[in-house]
Amino acid sequence: MKNLSLDEVLEHPIVNALNPKGKHFMKVRWLSPRLNRFAEYDIRMAALIPFGTFPHIKSIPAFQMLLEDFNAGRYKKKHTIVVDSSGNTAHAVALLAPAFGFDAVKIVLSSDVPQSKVGILDALSSVEVIKVPTGVAKRAHEEGNRPGHIHLNQYAHLGNMKSHSLYTGVEIDRVIPELSVLTIPMGSCGTVAGVGSFYKEQSQHNGIEKKIKIIGVRPYSGQQVPGARNKERMEEVVTLPWERYVDSISEVGRKSSFSSARLLWSEVVPQPGPTSGMAYYGLLKFLSALPLKSLASLTGSSVAFLCPDDGRFYTERFTGELDEKNGIFLSLN
């Protein structure tokens, strides 16, 4: 590994591109009444898009985790970084690793990660992709124990959560200051915990009760959506304290996630991926379950769902999951 100073790291062109500090990276796409069935209650609904500036939302925690570990001296005498991921975190780490002095990157993926994502990783130099059917976290831990290796564990690293408190939450509040309900997909749970932490700390600082509802969205038990984890898969690896920052959980099926994402493509650009569809459907589901009085209390307010990445990462999954009519209209039945 190269011995670099912090200034040298921060001056690297990739770091300049992916360092979230000082960037206004969050974009808003307001939905029409065709996709916002609650417009009749004078509730505005928005898609939050961070992946115009960045390739995906995972660039934010990847940079923060790498920076914290670099500053703590954890990379001394390490030449290879190991990361287990469903794709996006691995992609960001692979891009950033040379800037932090690493010679090589090992990426441990589940064998069900879309080939379109695997291909992007395979195309990068100095990257070894290891695909396993089960035990991804265990294999990454084993690889990280090899001489000269270090394992970046996004599921336990507090920098994951901290990055979204420092940057993502701030950006959401900047673009929609008066937000009533926000749905966030859950995988490593860094995003939902960090954004929830931002709003909680903001409320405590201002001395007022938090008004925004943070809704975590995940797949039904036994189902998988690329980039998200269901209850059982979260319990396997996630140790971040997400529960204290989430007001409610909404669970969504795999097919509904894909069809909802395709539906969003008719109004939202860049086109969101399946976890974005999951977050959108989860928001509709949450609002539909509210008593009429609670729904009426949201009149004049804004609600939103966070879109983690671009649907173009998952082209073969969309064509494999859906027929041509799925995503033309949406039913919550």
C-alpha atoms as a PDB file:
ATOM      1  CA  MET A   1       0.000   0.000   0.000  1.00  0.00           C
ATOM      2  CA  LYS A   2       1.170   3.490  -0.786  1.00  0.00           C
ATOM      3  CA  ASN A   3       1.887   5.798   2.162  1.00  0.00           C
ATOM      4  CA  LEU A   4      -0.342   8.772   1.458  1.00  0.00           C
ATOM      5  CA  SER A   5      -1.138  11.924   3.379  1.00  0.00           C
ATOM      6  CA  LEU A   6      -4.725  13.008   3.940  1.00  0.00           C
ATOM      7  CA  ASP A   7      -4.185  15.937   1.565  1.00  0.00           C
ATOM      8  CA  GLU A   8      -3.066  13.541  -1.163  1.00  0.00           C
ATOM      9  CA  VAL A   9      -6.190  11.418  -0.647  1.00  0.00           C
ATOM     10  CA  LEU A  10      -8.521  14.408  -0.766  1.00  0.00           C
ATOM     11  CA  GLU A  11      -6.868  15.768  -3.918  1.00  0.00           C
ATOM     12  CA  HIS A  12      -7.460  12.548  -5.893  1.00  0.00           C
ATOM     13  CA  PRO A  13      -9.856  13.115  -8.840  1.00  0.00           C
ATOM     14  CA  ILE A  14     -12.195  10.251  -7.812  1.00  0.00           C
ATOM     15  CA  VAL A  15     -12.376  11.598  -4.274  1.00  0.00           C
ATOM     16  CA  ASN A  16     -13.166  15.043  -5.657  1.00  0.00           C
ATOM     17  CA  ALA A  17     -16.040  13.501  -7.580  1.00  0.00           C
ATOM     18  CA  LEU A  18     -17.464  11.293  -4.805  1.00  0.00           C
ATOM     19  CA  ASN A  19     -16.737  13.280  -1.639  1.00  0.00           C
ATOM     20  CA  PRO A  20     -20.218  14.532  -0.621  1.00  0.00           C
ATOM     21  CA  LYS A  21     -18.922  17.446   1.443  1.00  0.00           C
ATOM     22  CA  GLY A  22     -20.133  20.762   0.018  1.00  0.00           C
ATOM     23  CA  LYS A  23     -22.195  19.166  -2.760  1.00  0.00           C
ATOM     24  CA  HIS A  24     -25.901  19.747  -3.400  1.00  0.00           C
ATOM     25  CA  PHE A  25     -26.541  16.243  -4.680  1.00  0.00           C
ATOM     26  CA  MET A  26     -30.213  15.631  -3.878  1.00  0.00           C
ATOM     27  CA  LYS A  27     -32.765  16.257  -6.625  1.00  0.00           C
ATOM     28  CA  VAL A  28     -36.561  16.247  -6.307  1.00  0.00           C
ATOM     29  CA  ARG A  29     -39.075  14.858  -8.785  1.00  0.00           C
ATOM     30  CA  TRP A  30     -42.663  15.730  -7.869  1.00  0.00           C
ATOM     31  CA  LEU A  31     -45.205  13.142  -8.973  1.00  0.00           C
ATOM     32  CA  SER A  32     -48.376  13.999 -10.846  1.00  0.00           C
ATOM     33  CA  PRO A  33     -51.810  12.940  -9.518  1.00  0.00           C
ATOM     34  CA  ARG A  34     -51.551   9.928 -11.840  1.00  0.00           C
ATOM     35  CA  LEU A  35     -48.860   8.425  -9.615  1.00  0.00           C
ATOM     36  CA  ASN A  36     -49.777  10.300  -6.428  1.00  0.00           C
ATOM     37  CA  ARG A  37     -53.189   8.951  -5.475  1.00  0.00           C
ATOM     38  CA  PHE A  38     -53.169  11.193  -2.380  1.00  0.00           C
ATOM     39  CA  ALA A  39     -53.120  14.437  -4.366  1.00  0.00           C
ATOM     40  CA  GLU A  40     -56.873  14.667  -3.693  1.00  0.00           C
ATOM     41  CA  TYR A  41     -55.966  15.271  -0.019  1.00  0.00           C
ATOM     42  CA  ASP A  42     -53.593  18.067  -1.090  1.00  0.00           C
ATOM     43  CA  ILE A  43     -50.586  15.889  -0.224  1.00  0.00           C
ATOM     44  CA  ARG A  44     -47.556  16.403  -2.466  1.00  0.00           C
ATOM     45  CA  MET A  45     -45.399  13.350  -3.194  1.00  0.00           C
ATOM     46  CA  ALA A  46     -41.778  13.394  -4.335  1.00  0.00           C
ATOM     47  CA  ALA A  47     -39.052  11.028  -5.454  1.00  0.00           C
ATOM     48  CA  LEU A  48     -35.669  11.975  -3.952  1.00  0.00           C
ATOM     49  CA  ILE A  49     -32.809  11.324  -6.386  1.00  0.00           C
ATOM     50  CA  PRO A  50     -29.161  11.350  -5.176  1.00  0.00           C
ATOM     51  CA  PHE A  51     -27.742   9.402  -8.121  1.00  0.00           C
ATOM     52  CA  GLY A  52     -27.507  12.221 -10.624  1.00  0.00           C
ATOM     53  CA  THR A  53     -24.373  13.575  -8.953  1.00  0.00           C
ATOM     54  CA  PHE A  54     -23.197  10.167  -7.724  1.00  0.00           C
ATOM     55  CA  PRO A  55     -23.508   6.740  -9.374  1.00  0.00           C
ATOM     56  CA  HIS A  56     -25.729   5.676  -6.450  1.00  0.00           C
ATOM     57  CA  ILE A  57     -26.364   6.569  -2.810  1.00  0.00           C
ATOM     58  CA  LYS A  58     -23.739   4.090  -1.571  1.00  0.00           C
ATOM     59  CA  SER A  59     -20.952   6.396  -2.748  1.00  0.00           C
ATOM     60  CA  ILE A  60     -21.685   8.558   0.311  1.00  0.00           C
ATOM     61  CA  PRO A  61     -21.102   5.962   3.066  1.00  0.00           C
ATOM     62  CA  ALA A  62     -18.293   4.284   1.153  1.00  0.00           C
ATOM     63  CA  PHE A  63     -16.297   7.509   1.188  1.00  0.00           C
ATOM     64  CA  GLN A  64     -17.060   8.197   4.863  1.00  0.00           C
ATOM     65  CA  MET A  65     -16.116   4.686   6.018  1.00  0.00           C
ATOM     66  CA  LEU A  66     -12.867   4.727   4.051  1.00  0.00           C
ATOM     67  CA  LEU A  67     -12.000   8.204   5.323  1.00  0.00           C
ATOM     68  CA  GLU A  68     -12.625   7.326   8.973  1.00  0.00           C
ATOM     69  CA  ASP A  69     -10.555   4.147   8.799  1.00  0.00           C
ATOM     70  CA  PHE A  70      -7.749   5.932   6.936  1.00  0.00           C
ATOM     71  CA  ASN A  71      -7.626   8.670   9.591  1.00  0.00           C
ATOM     72  CA  ALA A  72      -7.616   6.020  12.322  1.00  0.00           C
ATOM     73  CA  GLY A  73      -4.537   4.382  10.787  1.00  0.00           C
ATOM     74  CA  ARG A  74      -6.289   1.074  10.089  1.00  0.00           C
ATOM     75  CA  TYR A  75      -4.846   0.815   6.585  1.00  0.00           C
ATOM     76  CA  LYS A  76      -1.168   0.754   7.516  1.00  0.00           C
ATOM     77  CA  LYS A  77       0.580  -2.238   5.905  1.00  0.00           C
ATOM     78  CA  LYS A  78      -2.655  -3.214   4.120  1.00  0.00           C
ATOM     79  CA  HIS A  79      -2.626  -3.689   0.369  1.00  0.00           C
ATOM     80  CA  THR A  80      -6.073  -5.248  -0.261  1.00  0.00           C
ATOM     81  CA  ILE A  81      -9.497  -4.152   0.940  1.00  0.00           C
ATOM     82  CA  VAL A  82     -12.349  -6.663   1.125  1.00  0.00           C
ATOM     83  CA  VAL A  83     -16.003  -5.638   0.957  1.00  0.00           C
ATOM     84  CA  ASP A  84     -19.189  -7.714   0.984  1.00  0.00           C
ATOM     85  CA  SER A  85     -22.063  -6.057  -0.801  1.00  0.00           C
ATOM     86  CA  SER A  86     -25.055  -6.461  -3.065  1.00  0.00           C
ATOM     87  CA  GLY A  87     -23.156  -4.365  -5.596  1.00  0.00           C
ATOM     88  CA  ASN A  88     -23.339  -0.626  -5.015  1.00  0.00           C
ATOM     89  CA  THR A  89     -21.110  -0.348  -1.941  1.00  0.00           C
ATOM     90  CA  ALA A  90     -18.594  -2.627  -3.629  1.00  0.00           C
ATOM     91  CA  HIS A  91     -18.649  -0.437  -6.730  1.00  0.00           C
ATOM     92  CA  ALA A  92     -18.005   2.723  -4.722  1.00  0.00           C
ATOM     93  CA  VAL A  93     -15.212   1.127  -2.687  1.00  0.00           C
ATOM     94  CA  ALA A  94     -13.596  -0.231  -5.857  1.00  0.00           C
ATOM     95  CA  LEU A  95     -13.604   3.259  -7.372  1.00  0.00           C
ATOM     96  CA  LEU A  96     -12.252   4.924  -4.229  1.00  0.00           C
ATOM     97  CA  ALA A  97      -9.756   2.307  -3.012  1.00  0.00           C
ATOM     98  CA  PRO A  98      -6.769   3.431  -5.160  1.00  0.00           C
ATOM     99  CA  ALA A  99      -7.184   6.964  -3.829  1.00  0.00           C
ATOM    100  CA  PHE A 100      -6.679   5.599  -0.304  1.00  0.00           C
ATOM    101  CA  GLY A 101      -3.549   3.708  -1.362  1.00  0.00           C
ATOM    102  CA  PHE A 102      -4.875   0.185  -1.920  1.00  0.00           C
ATOM    103  CA  ASP A 103      -3.371  -1.999  -4.627  1.00  0.00           C
ATOM    104  CA  ALA A 104      -6.313  -4.402  -4.892  1.00  0.00           C
ATOM    105  CA  VAL A 105      -9.976  -4.881  -4.018  1.00  0.00           C
ATOM    106  CA  LYS A 106     -11.777  -8.136  -3.267  1.00  0.00           C
ATOM    107  CA  ILE A 107     -15.543  -8.035  -3.597  1.00  0.00           C
ATOM    108  CA  VAL A 108     -17.650 -10.815  -2.105  1.00  0.00           C
ATOM    109  CA  LEU A 109     -21.094 -11.049  -3.694  1.00  0.00           C
ATOM    110  CA  SER A 110     -24.055 -13.353  -3.464  1.00  0.00           C
ATOM    111  CA  SER A 111     -24.418 -15.421  -6.629  1.00  0.00           C
ATOM    112  CA  ASP A 112     -27.876 -13.864  -7.191  1.00  0.00           C
ATOM    113  CA  VAL A 113     -26.498 -10.336  -7.782  1.00  0.00           C
ATOM    114  CA  PRO A 114     -27.611  -9.193 -11.272  1.00  0.00           C
ATOM    115  CA  GLN A 115     -25.053  -9.910 -13.980  1.00  0.00           C
ATOM    116  CA  SER A 116     -25.310  -6.294 -15.146  1.00  0.00           C
ATOM    117  CA  LYS A 117     -23.847  -5.217 -11.791  1.00  0.00           C
ATOM    118  CA  VAL A 118     -21.246  -7.974 -11.735  1.00  0.00           C
ATOM    119  CA  GLY A 119     -20.131  -6.918 -15.213  1.00  0.00           C
ATOM    120  CA  ILE A 120     -19.512  -3.352 -14.060  1.00  0.00           C
ATOM    121  CA  LEU A 121     -17.331  -4.637 -11.217  1.00  0.00           C
ATOM    122  CA  ASP A 122     -15.507  -7.130 -13.438  1.00  0.00           C
ATOM    123  CA  ALA A 123     -14.611  -4.310 -15.824  1.00  0.00           C
ATOM    124  CA  LEU A 124     -12.704  -2.387 -13.148  1.00  0.00           C
ATOM    125  CA  SER A 125      -8.956  -2.922 -12.822  1.00  0.00           C
ATOM    126  CA  SER A 126      -7.440  -4.463  -9.669  1.00  0.00           C
ATOM    127  CA  VAL A 127     -10.793  -5.966  -8.639  1.00  0.00           C
ATOM    128  CA  GLU A 128     -11.364  -9.636  -7.827  1.00  0.00           C
ATOM    129  CA  VAL A 129     -15.038 -10.658  -7.649  1.00  0.00           C
ATOM    130  CA  ILE A 130     -15.848 -13.651  -5.443  1.00  0.00           C
ATOM    131  CA  LYS A 131     -19.381 -15.030  -5.843  1.00  0.00           C
ATOM    132  CA  VAL A 132     -20.795 -17.389  -3.227  1.00  0.00           C
ATOM    133  CA  PRO A 133     -24.304 -18.869  -2.922  1.00  0.00           C
ATOM    134  CA  THR A 134     -24.496 -18.349   0.867  1.00  0.00           C
ATOM    135  CA  GLY A 135     -22.367 -17.020   3.694  1.00  0.00           C
ATOM    136  CA  VAL A 136     -21.264 -13.799   2.016  1.00  0.00           C
ATOM    137  CA  ALA A 137     -20.410 -12.039   5.292  1.00  0.00           C
ATOM    138  CA  LYS A 138     -18.496 -15.062   6.604  1.00  0.00           C
ATOM    139  CA  ARG A 139     -16.421 -15.335   3.426  1.00  0.00           C
ATOM    140  CA  ALA A 140     -15.638 -11.602   3.496  1.00  0.00           C
ATOM    141  CA  HIS A 141     -14.516 -11.897   7.118  1.00  0.00           C
ATOM    142  CA  GLU A 142     -12.256 -14.816   6.196  1.00  0.00           C
ATOM    143  CA  GLU A 143     -10.739 -12.903   3.282  1.00  0.00           C
ATOM    144  CA  GLY A 144     -10.200  -9.884   5.503  1.00  0.00           C
ATOM    145  CA  ASN A 145      -8.098 -11.963   7.887  1.00  0.00           C
ATOM    146  CA  ARG A 146      -5.519 -12.791   5.211  1.00  0.00           C
ATOM    147  CA  PRO A 147      -2.113 -11.054   5.514  1.00  0.00           C
ATOM    148  CA  GLY A 148      -2.214  -7.506   4.143  1.00  0.00           C
ATOM    149  CA  HIS A 149      -6.023  -7.580   3.850  1.00  0.00           C
ATOM    150  CA  ILE A 150      -8.705  -5.613   5.708  1.00  0.00           C
ATOM    151  CA  HIS A 151     -12.483  -6.159   5.703  1.00  0.00           C
ATOM    152  CA  LEU A 152     -14.763  -3.121   5.364  1.00  0.00           C
ATOM    153  CA  ASN A 153     -17.972  -4.245   7.089  1.00  0.00           C
ATOM    154  CA  GLN A 154     -20.708  -1.814   6.060  1.00  0.00           C
ATOM    155  CA  TYR A 155     -23.296  -3.605   8.226  1.00  0.00           C
ATOM    156  CA  ALA A 156     -21.509  -2.698  11.462  1.00  0.00           C
ATOM    157  CA  HIS A 157     -19.443   0.384  10.532  1.00  0.00           C
ATOM    158  CA  LEU A 158     -20.835   3.477  12.240  1.00  0.00           C
ATOM    159  CA  GLY A 159     -19.386   5.595   9.443  1.00  0.00           C
ATOM    160  CA  ASN A 160     -22.113   4.161   7.211  1.00  0.00           C
ATOM    161  CA  MET A 161     -24.804   5.645   9.439  1.00  0.00           C
ATOM    162  CA  LYS A 162     -22.837   8.827  10.174  1.00  0.00           C
ATOM    163  CA  SER A 163     -22.463   9.697   6.488  1.00  0.00           C
ATOM    164  CA  HIS A 164     -26.215   9.859   6.008  1.00  0.00           C
ATOM    165  CA  SER A 165     -26.623  11.997   9.116  1.00  0.00           C
ATOM    166  CA  LEU A 166     -23.913  14.395   7.921  1.00  0.00           C
ATOM    167  CA  TYR A 167     -24.944  14.593   4.265  1.00  0.00           C
ATOM    168  CA  THR A 168     -28.076  12.737   3.097  1.00  0.00           C
ATOM    169  CA  GLY A 169     -30.345  14.012   5.871  1.00  0.00           C
ATOM    170  CA  VAL A 170     -29.058  17.542   5.414  1.00  0.00           C
ATOM    171  CA  GLU A 171     -29.708  17.375   1.675  1.00  0.00           C
ATOM    172  CA  ILE A 172     -33.245  16.013   2.097  1.00  0.00           C
ATOM    173  CA  ASP A 173     -34.022  18.812   4.549  1.00  0.00           C
ATOM    174  CA  ARG A 174     -32.574  21.353   2.119  1.00  0.00           C
ATOM    175  CA  VAL A 175     -34.758  20.326  -0.827  1.00  0.00           C
ATOM    176  CA  ILE A 176     -37.973  19.635   1.157  1.00  0.00           C
ATOM    177  CA  PRO A 177     -37.819  21.560   4.465  1.00  0.00           C
ATOM    178  CA  GLU A 178     -41.392  20.700   5.509  1.00  0.00           C
ATOM    179  CA  LEU A 179     -41.457  16.935   5.086  1.00  0.00           C
ATOM    180  CA  SER A 180     -44.102  14.867   6.884  1.00  0.00           C
ATOM    181  CA  VAL A 181     -43.378  11.266   5.849  1.00  0.00           C
ATOM    182  CA  LEU A 182     -40.251   9.737   4.337  1.00  0.00           C
ATOM    183  CA  THR A 183     -39.792   6.124   3.246  1.00  0.00           C
ATOM    184  CA  ILE A 184     -36.280   4.670   2.967  1.00  0.00           C
ATOM    185  CA  PRO A 185     -35.281   1.211   1.699  1.00  0.00           C
ATOM    186  CA  MET A 186     -33.425  -0.950   4.219  1.00  0.00           C
ATOM    187  CA  GLY A 187     -30.385  -3.081   3.431  1.00  0.00           C
ATOM    188  CA  SER A 188     -27.365  -2.292   5.598  1.00  0.00           C
ATOM    189  CA  CYS A 189     -29.728   0.156   7.384  1.00  0.00           C
ATOM    190  CA  GLY A 190     -27.115   2.896   7.334  1.00  0.00           C
ATOM    191  CA  THR A 191     -29.324   5.220   5.304  1.00  0.00           C
ATOM    192  CA  VAL A 192     -32.469   4.869   7.398  1.00  0.00           C
ATOM    193  CA  ALA A 193     -30.510   5.078  10.674  1.00  0.00           C
ATOM    194  CA  GLY A 194     -28.428   8.049   9.558  1.00  0.00           C
ATOM    195  CA  VAL A 195     -31.290  10.085   8.109  1.00  0.00           C
ATOM    196  CA  GLY A 196     -33.468   9.241  11.114  1.00  0.00           C
ATOM    197  CA  SER A 197     -30.623  10.281  13.414  1.00  0.00           C
ATOM    198  CA  PHE A 198     -30.300  13.602  11.586  1.00  0.00           C
ATOM    199  CA  TYR A 199     -33.972  14.463  12.088  1.00  0.00           C
ATOM    200  CA  LYS A 200     -33.967  13.305  15.716  1.00  0.00           C
ATOM    201  CA  GLU A 201     -30.889  15.373  16.541  1.00  0.00           C
ATOM    202  CA  GLN A 202     -32.359  18.358  14.713  1.00  0.00           C
ATOM    203  CA  SER A 203     -35.525  18.125  16.796  1.00  0.00           C
ATOM    204  CA  GLN A 204     -33.579  17.852  20.047  1.00  0.00           C
ATOM    205  CA  HIS A 205     -31.408  20.816  19.075  1.00  0.00           C
ATOM    206  CA  ASN A 206     -34.495  22.905  18.293  1.00  0.00           C
ATOM    207  CA  GLY A 207     -36.292  21.746  21.417  1.00  0.00           C
ATOM    208  CA  ILE A 208     -39.366  20.541  19.513  1.00  0.00           C
ATOM    209  CA  GLU A 209     -40.818  17.090  18.939  1.00  0.00           C
ATOM    210  CA  LYS A 210     -39.865  15.451  15.675  1.00  0.00           C
ATOM    211  CA  LYS A 211     -42.707  15.849  13.177  1.00  0.00           C
ATOM    212  CA  ILE A 212     -41.422  13.738  10.324  1.00  0.00           C
ATOM    213  CA  LYS A 213     -42.269  10.028  10.209  1.00  0.00           C
ATOM    214  CA  ILE A 214     -39.390   7.804   9.069  1.00  0.00           C
ATOM    215  CA  ILE A 215     -40.665   4.594   7.480  1.00  0.00           C
ATOM    216  CA  GLY A 216     -38.229   1.770   6.789  1.00  0.00           C
ATOM    217  CA  VAL A 217     -39.167  -0.364   3.780  1.00  0.00           C
ATOM    218  CA  ARG A 218     -37.972  -3.912   3.192  1.00  0.00           C
ATOM    219  CA  PRO A 219     -39.072  -7.013   1.248  1.00  0.00           C
ATOM    220  CA  TYR A 220     -41.499  -9.518   2.680  1.00  0.00           C
ATOM    221  CA  SER A 221     -39.965 -12.426   4.555  1.00  0.00           C
ATOM    222  CA  GLY A 222     -38.752 -15.030   2.101  1.00  0.00           C
ATOM    223  CA  GLN A 223     -38.535 -12.529  -0.774  1.00  0.00           C
ATOM    224  CA  GLN A 224     -35.552 -10.613  -2.114  1.00  0.00           C
ATOM    225  CA  VAL A 225     -35.229  -7.249  -3.832  1.00  0.00           C
ATOM    226  CA  PRO A 226     -31.726  -6.386  -5.125  1.00  0.00           C
ATOM    227  CA  GLY A 227     -30.096  -3.896  -2.758  1.00  0.00           C
ATOM    228  CA  ALA A 228     -32.494  -4.525   0.147  1.00  0.00           C
ATOM    229  CA  ARG A 229     -32.744  -7.122   2.921  1.00  0.00           C
ATOM    230  CA  ASN A 230     -35.803  -8.780   4.394  1.00  0.00           C
ATOM    231  CA  LYS A 231     -36.199  -9.260   8.155  1.00  0.00           C
ATOM    232  CA  GLU A 232     -34.282 -12.536   8.293  1.00  0.00           C
ATOM    233  CA  ARG A 233     -31.372 -11.309   6.160  1.00  0.00           C
ATOM    234  CA  MET A 234     -31.134  -8.090   8.184  1.00  0.00           C
ATOM    235  CA  GLU A 235     -30.889 -10.097  11.403  1.00  0.00           C
ATOM    236  CA  GLU A 236     -28.023 -12.135   9.936  1.00  0.00           C
ATOM    237  CA  VAL A 237     -25.572  -9.248   9.543  1.00  0.00           C
ATOM    238  CA  VAL A 238     -26.931  -5.793  10.472  1.00  0.00           C
ATOM    239  CA  THR A 239     -25.775  -4.434  13.828  1.00  0.00           C
ATOM    240  CA  LEU A 240     -26.327  -0.710  13.248  1.00  0.00           C
ATOM    241  CA  PRO A 241     -28.903   0.707  15.730  1.00  0.00           C
ATOM    242  CA  TRP A 242     -31.588   1.429  13.142  1.00  0.00           C
ATOM    243  CA  GLU A 243     -34.599   0.548  15.347  1.00  0.00           C
ATOM    244  CA  ARG A 244     -34.354   3.690  17.455  1.00  0.00           C
ATOM    245  CA  TYR A 245     -34.691   5.918  14.389  1.00  0.00           C
ATOM    246  CA  VAL A 246     -37.526   4.194  12.494  1.00  0.00           C
ATOM    247  CA  ASP A 247     -41.159   4.977  13.332  1.00  0.00           C
ATOM    248  CA  SER A 248     -42.703   2.165  11.315  1.00  0.00           C
ATOM    249  CA  ILE A 249     -41.846  -0.612   8.866  1.00  0.00           C
ATOM    250  CA  SER A 250     -43.572  -1.244   5.546  1.00  0.00           C
ATOM    251  CA  GLU A 251     -42.959  -4.557   3.769  1.00  0.00           C
ATOM    252  CA  VAL A 252     -43.316  -4.939   0.012  1.00  0.00           C
ATOM    253  CA  GLY A 253     -43.229  -7.870  -2.402  1.00  0.00           C
ATOM    254  CA  ARG A 254     -40.549  -8.399  -5.024  1.00  0.00           C
ATOM    255  CA  LYS A 255     -42.823  -8.088  -8.041  1.00  0.00           C
ATOM    256  CA  SER A 256     -44.509  -4.961  -6.658  1.00  0.00           C
ATOM    257  CA  SER A 257     -41.063  -3.396  -6.252  1.00  0.00           C
ATOM    258  CA  PHE A 258     -40.124  -3.999  -9.882  1.00  0.00           C
ATOM    259  CA  SER A 259     -43.504  -3.006 -11.323  1.00  0.00           C
ATOM    260  CA  SER A 260     -43.593   0.161  -9.188  1.00  0.00           C
ATOM    261  CA  ALA A 261     -40.131   1.135 -10.404  1.00  0.00           C
ATOM    262  CA  ARG A 262     -41.199   0.649 -14.006  1.00  0.00           C
ATOM    263  CA  LEU A 263     -44.256   2.801 -13.317  1.00  0.00           C
ATOM    264  CA  LEU A 264     -42.008   5.559 -11.941  1.00  0.00           C
ATOM    265  CA  TRP A 265     -40.078   5.580 -15.223  1.00  0.00           C
ATOM    266  CA  SER A 266     -43.047   7.303 -16.835  1.00  0.00           C
ATOM    267  CA  GLU A 267     -42.375  10.427 -14.735  1.00  0.00           C
ATOM    268  CA  VAL A 268     -38.984  10.185 -12.991  1.00  0.00           C
ATOM    269  CA  VAL A 269     -35.578  10.698 -14.630  1.00  0.00           C
ATOM    270  CA  PRO A 270     -32.992   9.266 -14.089  1.00  0.00           C
ATOM    271  CA  GLN A 271     -35.029   6.066 -14.001  1.00  0.00           C
ATOM    272  CA  PRO A 272     -35.080   4.531 -10.501  1.00  0.00           C
ATOM    273  CA  GLY A 273     -34.205   0.946  -9.605  1.00  0.00           C
ATOM    274  CA  PRO A 274     -36.232  -1.755  -7.812  1.00  0.00           C
ATOM    275  CA  THR A 275     -35.484  -0.539  -4.268  1.00  0.00           C
ATOM    276  CA  SER A 276     -36.837   2.846  -5.345  1.00  0.00           C
ATOM    277  CA  GLY A 277     -40.009   1.134  -6.533  1.00  0.00           C
ATOM    278  CA  MET A 278     -40.121  -0.662  -3.192  1.00  0.00           C
ATOM    279  CA  ALA A 279     -39.843   2.655  -1.311  1.00  0.00           C
ATOM    280  CA  TYR A 280     -42.577   4.221  -3.480  1.00  0.00           C
ATOM    281  CA  TYR A 281     -44.929   1.285  -3.001  1.00  0.00           C
ATOM    282  CA  GLY A 282     -44.125   1.257   0.712  1.00  0.00           C
ATOM    283  CA  LEU A 283     -45.113   4.921   0.965  1.00  0.00           C
ATOM    284  CA  LEU A 284     -48.428   4.302  -0.800  1.00  0.00           C
ATOM    285  CA  LYS A 285     -49.060   1.312   1.443  1.00  0.00           C
ATOM    286  CA  PHE A 286     -48.292   3.278   4.621  1.00  0.00           C
ATOM    287  CA  LEU A 287     -50.544   6.183   3.654  1.00  0.00           C
ATOM    288  CA  SER A 288     -53.362   3.849   2.567  1.00  0.00           C
ATOM    289  CA  ALA A 289     -53.371   2.207   6.014  1.00  0.00           C
ATOM    290  CA  LEU A 290     -53.786   5.501   7.888  1.00  0.00           C
ATOM    291  CA  PRO A 291     -57.164   6.332   9.432  1.00  0.00           C
ATOM    292  CA  LEU A 292     -58.981   9.074   7.555  1.00  0.00           C
ATOM    293  CA  LYS A 293     -58.367  11.540  10.398  1.00  0.00           C
ATOM    294  CA  SER A 294     -54.612  10.921  10.281  1.00  0.00           C
ATOM    295  CA  LEU A 295     -54.585  11.222   6.509  1.00  0.00           C
ATOM    296  CA  ALA A 296     -56.499  14.503   6.708  1.00  0.00           C
ATOM    297  CA  SER A 297     -53.863  15.843   9.125  1.00  0.00           C
ATOM    298  CA  LEU A 298     -51.334  15.576   6.292  1.00  0.00           C
ATOM    299  CA  THR A 299     -53.302  17.967   4.074  1.00  0.00           C
ATOM    300  CA  GLY A 300     -51.014  20.606   2.633  1.00  0.00           C
ATOM    301  CA  SER A 301     -47.862  18.662   3.492  1.00  0.00           C
ATOM    302  CA  SER A 302     -45.192  16.838   1.493  1.00  0.00           C
ATOM    303  CA  VAL A 303     -44.233  13.175   1.605  1.00  0.00           C
ATOM    304  CA  ALA A 304     -41.311  11.507  -0.173  1.00  0.00           C
ATOM    305  CA  PHE A 305     -39.464   8.287  -0.893  1.00  0.00           C
ATOM    306  CA  LEU A 306     -35.715   7.908  -1.311  1.00  0.00           C
ATOM    307  CA  CYS A 307     -34.389   6.368  -4.524  1.00  0.00           C
ATOM    308  CA  PRO A 308     -30.990   4.698  -3.940  1.00  0.00           C
ATOM    309  CA  ASP A 309     -29.897   3.892  -7.490  1.00  0.00           C
ATOM    310  CA  ASP A 310     -30.505   3.746 -11.221  1.00  0.00           C
ATOM    311  CA  GLY A 311     -32.749   1.134 -12.822  1.00  0.00           C
ATOM    312  CA  ARG A 312     -30.271   0.640 -15.649  1.00  0.00           C
ATOM    313  CA  PHE A 313     -28.209  -1.530 -13.278  1.00  0.00           C
ATOM    314  CA  TYR A 314     -31.007  -4.127 -13.373  1.00  0.00           C
ATOM    315  CA  THR A 315     -32.165  -4.397 -16.978  1.00  0.00           C
ATOM    316  CA  GLU A 316     -32.205  -8.196 -17.143  1.00  0.00           C
ATOM    317  CA  ARG A 317     -34.064  -8.404 -13.832  1.00  0.00           C
ATOM    318  CA  PHE A 318     -36.839  -6.127 -15.093  1.00  0.00           C
ATOM    319  CA  THR A 319     -37.298  -8.100 -18.274  1.00  0.00           C
ATOM    320  CA  GLY A 320     -37.104 -11.356 -16.342  1.00  0.00           C
ATOM    321  CA  GLU A 321     -39.528 -10.343 -13.573  1.00  0.00           C
ATOM    322  CA  LEU A 322     -42.172  -8.461 -15.531  1.00  0.00           C
ATOM    323  CA  ASP A 323     -44.224  -8.881 -18.652  1.00  0.00           C
ATOM    324  CA  GLU A 324     -44.909  -5.887 -20.852  1.00  0.00           C
ATOM    325  CA  LYS A 325     -48.068  -4.860 -18.951  1.00  0.00           C
ATOM    326  CA  ASN A 326     -46.563  -4.871 -15.434  1.00  0.00           C
ATOM    327  CA  GLY A 327     -45.993  -1.306 -14.308  1.00  0.00           C
ATOM    328  CA  ILE A 328     -48.616   0.213 -16.591  1.00  0.00           C
ATOM    329  CA  PHE A 329     -50.844   0.732 -13.577  1.00  0.00           C
ATOM    330  CA  LEU A 330     -50.489  -0.006  -9.853  1.00  0.00           C
ATOM    331  CA  SER A 331     -52.814  -1.775  -7.451  1.00  0.00           C
ATOM    332  CA  LEU A 332     -52.364  -2.108  -3.706  1.00  0.00           C
ATOM    333  CA  ASN A 333     -54.596  -5.174  -3.564  1.00  0.00           C
END
